[in-house]
Amino acid sequence: MERAVFVYTTFPSVVEAEKAGNQLVAARLAACVNILPGMVSIYRWQGAVERAEEAVMIVKTRASLAEAVRASVRATHPYDTPAIVVLPVESVDDRYFAWILDATAPAESA
């Protein structure tokens, strides 16, 4: 049985997040992406504490597409080690889930 998942990732800029998000939606790997600019990240990297401004991207998709979403993000991401976290959705409105399923279904040929 299919279920909804959100894929959380971050990008160094809104421009890069929009490019990746457009590719995901155009390829029907995601029904929608939300891009939240202006996040500040403080993290440890290669032994030092770092600070960066980033944009969060939340990808709304179906569980069966999560690996394809992960591969697409990884293939175009500028970071060596991007955050790509698949989060199960415990509950979702039936109509909203139907929309996710429809928007991520293979395109019908004409």
C-alpha atoms as a PDB file:
ATOM      1  CA  MET A   1       0.000   0.000   0.000  1.00  0.00           C
ATOM      2  CA  GLU A   2       1.342   3.398  -1.009  1.00  0.00           C
ATOM      3  CA  ARG A   3       1.961   6.107   1.579  1.00  0.00           C
ATOM      4  CA  ALA A   4       3.041   9.732   1.575  1.00  0.00           C
ATOM      5  CA  VAL A   5       6.512  10.871   2.565  1.00  0.00           C
ATOM      6  CA  PHE A   6       8.260  14.208   2.830  1.00  0.00           C
ATOM      7  CA  VAL A   7      11.880  14.474   1.792  1.00  0.00           C
ATOM      8  CA  TYR A   8      13.808  17.164   3.671  1.00  0.00           C
ATOM      9  CA  THR A   9      16.921  18.672   2.151  1.00  0.00           C
ATOM     10  CA  THR A  10      18.814  21.954   2.154  1.00  0.00           C
ATOM     11  CA  PHE A  11      20.538  23.966  -0.562  1.00  0.00           C
ATOM     12  CA  PRO A  12      23.044  26.814  -0.408  1.00  0.00           C
ATOM     13  CA  SER A  13      20.619  29.128  -2.223  1.00  0.00           C
ATOM     14  CA  VAL A  14      17.002  29.508  -3.281  1.00  0.00           C
ATOM     15  CA  VAL A  15      18.122  29.481  -6.926  1.00  0.00           C
ATOM     16  CA  GLU A  16      19.670  26.020  -6.569  1.00  0.00           C
ATOM     17  CA  ALA A  17      16.691  24.730  -4.588  1.00  0.00           C
ATOM     18  CA  GLU A  18      14.264  26.012  -7.242  1.00  0.00           C
ATOM     19  CA  LYS A  19      16.267  24.360 -10.011  1.00  0.00           C
ATOM     20  CA  ALA A  20      16.211  21.011  -8.190  1.00  0.00           C
ATOM     21  CA  GLY A  21      12.542  21.422  -7.232  1.00  0.00           C
ATOM     22  CA  ASN A  22      11.489  22.225 -10.786  1.00  0.00           C
ATOM     23  CA  GLN A  23      13.255  19.093 -12.016  1.00  0.00           C
ATOM     24  CA  LEU A  24      11.525  16.924  -9.416  1.00  0.00           C
ATOM     25  CA  VAL A  25       8.042  18.237 -10.206  1.00  0.00           C
ATOM     26  CA  ALA A  26       8.593  18.176 -13.984  1.00  0.00           C
ATOM     27  CA  ALA A  27       9.744  14.550 -13.764  1.00  0.00           C
ATOM     28  CA  ARG A  28       6.660  13.706 -11.659  1.00  0.00           C
ATOM     29  CA  LEU A  29       8.881  12.586  -8.779  1.00  0.00           C
ATOM     30  CA  ALA A  30       7.212  15.157  -6.529  1.00  0.00           C
ATOM     31  CA  ALA A  31       3.738  16.608  -6.353  1.00  0.00           C
ATOM     32  CA  CYS A  32       5.086  19.775  -4.781  1.00  0.00           C
ATOM     33  CA  VAL A  33       8.200  21.233  -3.229  1.00  0.00           C
ATOM     34  CA  ASN A  34       8.222  23.922  -0.575  1.00  0.00           C
ATOM     35  CA  ILE A  35      11.297  26.143  -0.485  1.00  0.00           C
ATOM     36  CA  LEU A  36      11.938  28.086   2.700  1.00  0.00           C
ATOM     37  CA  PRO A  37      14.693  30.685   2.317  1.00  0.00           C
ATOM     38  CA  GLY A  38      16.717  32.316   5.037  1.00  0.00           C
ATOM     39  CA  MET A  39      17.625  29.349   7.235  1.00  0.00           C
ATOM     40  CA  VAL A  40      20.848  29.621   9.216  1.00  0.00           C
ATOM     41  CA  SER A  41      22.670  26.352   9.798  1.00  0.00           C
ATOM     42  CA  ILE A  42      25.373  25.846  12.393  1.00  0.00           C
ATOM     43  CA  TYR A  43      27.094  22.502  12.041  1.00  0.00           C
ATOM     44  CA  ARG A  44      30.337  20.632  12.525  1.00  0.00           C
ATOM     45  CA  TRP A  45      32.231  19.873   9.302  1.00  0.00           C
ATOM     46  CA  GLN A  46      35.741  18.473   9.012  1.00  0.00           C
ATOM     47  CA  GLY A  47      36.552  19.266  12.646  1.00  0.00           C
ATOM     48  CA  ALA A  48      35.326  22.856  12.683  1.00  0.00           C
ATOM     49  CA  VAL A  49      32.062  24.535  13.633  1.00  0.00           C
ATOM     50  CA  GLU A  50      30.635  26.192  10.531  1.00  0.00           C
ATOM     51  CA  ARG A  51      27.795  28.623   9.814  1.00  0.00           C
ATOM     52  CA  ALA A  52      25.930  28.872   6.519  1.00  0.00           C
ATOM     53  CA  GLU A  53      22.789  30.465   5.168  1.00  0.00           C
ATOM     54  CA  GLU A  54      20.693  27.916   3.339  1.00  0.00           C
ATOM     55  CA  ALA A  55      17.270  27.270   1.844  1.00  0.00           C
ATOM     56  CA  VAL A  56      15.208  24.327   3.077  1.00  0.00           C
ATOM     57  CA  MET A  57      13.358  22.243   0.512  1.00  0.00           C
ATOM     58  CA  ILE A  58      10.548  19.889   1.527  1.00  0.00           C
ATOM     59  CA  VAL A  59       9.526  17.470  -1.205  1.00  0.00           C
ATOM     60  CA  LYS A  60       6.019  15.988  -1.072  1.00  0.00           C
ATOM     61  CA  THR A  61       5.879  12.620  -2.769  1.00  0.00           C
ATOM     62  CA  ARG A  62       4.955   8.955  -2.419  1.00  0.00           C
ATOM     63  CA  ALA A  63       7.119   6.445  -0.572  1.00  0.00           C
ATOM     64  CA  SER A  64       7.792   4.387  -3.700  1.00  0.00           C
ATOM     65  CA  LEU A  65       9.496   7.413  -5.283  1.00  0.00           C
ATOM     66  CA  ALA A  66      11.677   8.340  -2.298  1.00  0.00           C
ATOM     67  CA  GLU A  67      14.802   6.637  -3.654  1.00  0.00           C
ATOM     68  CA  ALA A  68      14.371   8.286  -7.066  1.00  0.00           C
ATOM     69  CA  VAL A  69      13.954  11.666  -5.338  1.00  0.00           C
ATOM     70  CA  ARG A  70      17.091  10.995  -3.282  1.00  0.00           C
ATOM     71  CA  ALA A  71      19.065  10.068  -6.420  1.00  0.00           C
ATOM     72  CA  SER A  72      17.853  13.151  -8.302  1.00  0.00           C
ATOM     73  CA  VAL A  73      18.754  15.496  -5.453  1.00  0.00           C
ATOM     74  CA  ARG A  74      22.152  13.843  -4.957  1.00  0.00           C
ATOM     75  CA  ALA A  75      22.954  13.992  -8.697  1.00  0.00           C
ATOM     76  CA  THR A  76      22.533  17.758  -8.931  1.00  0.00           C
ATOM     77  CA  HIS A  77      23.394  18.891  -5.399  1.00  0.00           C
ATOM     78  CA  PRO A  78      26.477  21.087  -4.950  1.00  0.00           C
ATOM     79  CA  TYR A  79      27.320  19.670  -1.483  1.00  0.00           C
ATOM     80  CA  ASP A  80      29.580  16.633  -1.051  1.00  0.00           C
ATOM     81  CA  THR A  81      27.283  15.374   1.710  1.00  0.00           C
ATOM     82  CA  PRO A  82      23.789  16.842   1.249  1.00  0.00           C
ATOM     83  CA  ALA A  83      21.121  16.395   3.888  1.00  0.00           C
ATOM     84  CA  ILE A  84      18.524  14.101   2.346  1.00  0.00           C
ATOM     85  CA  VAL A  85      16.102  12.816   4.948  1.00  0.00           C
ATOM     86  CA  VAL A  86      12.961  10.822   4.096  1.00  0.00           C
ATOM     87  CA  LEU A  87      10.230  11.432   6.675  1.00  0.00           C
ATOM     88  CA  PRO A  88       7.168   9.185   6.839  1.00  0.00           C
ATOM     89  CA  VAL A  89       3.841  10.984   7.033  1.00  0.00           C
ATOM     90  CA  GLU A  90       1.744   9.452   9.778  1.00  0.00           C
ATOM     91  CA  SER A  91      -1.561  10.900   8.636  1.00  0.00           C
ATOM     92  CA  VAL A  92      -2.675  12.811   5.560  1.00  0.00           C
ATOM     93  CA  ASP A  93      -6.014  14.118   4.328  1.00  0.00           C
ATOM     94  CA  ASP A  94      -7.523  11.690   1.795  1.00  0.00           C
ATOM     95  CA  ARG A  95      -8.043  14.318  -0.906  1.00  0.00           C
ATOM     96  CA  TYR A  96      -4.557  15.738  -0.444  1.00  0.00           C
ATOM     97  CA  PHE A  97      -3.024  12.259  -0.676  1.00  0.00           C
ATOM     98  CA  ALA A  98      -5.073  11.544  -3.812  1.00  0.00           C
ATOM     99  CA  TRP A  99      -3.586  14.715  -5.312  1.00  0.00           C
ATOM    100  CA  ILE A 100      -0.040  13.592  -4.414  1.00  0.00           C
ATOM    101  CA  LEU A 101      -0.707  10.222  -6.055  1.00  0.00           C
ATOM    102  CA  ASP A 102      -2.174  11.847  -9.165  1.00  0.00           C
ATOM    103  CA  ALA A 103       0.600  14.412  -9.503  1.00  0.00           C
ATOM    104  CA  THR A 104       3.299  11.730  -9.230  1.00  0.00           C
ATOM    105  CA  ALA A 105       1.655   9.133 -11.445  1.00  0.00           C
ATOM    106  CA  PRO A 106       3.378   8.381 -14.740  1.00  0.00           C
ATOM    107  CA  ALA A 107       2.264  10.785 -17.452  1.00  0.00           C
ATOM    108  CA  GLU A 108      -0.347   9.406 -19.791  1.00  0.00           C
ATOM    109  CA  SER A 109       0.734   9.237 -23.397  1.00  0.00           C
ATOM    110  CA  ALA A 110      -1.489  11.013 -25.862  1.00  0.00           C
END
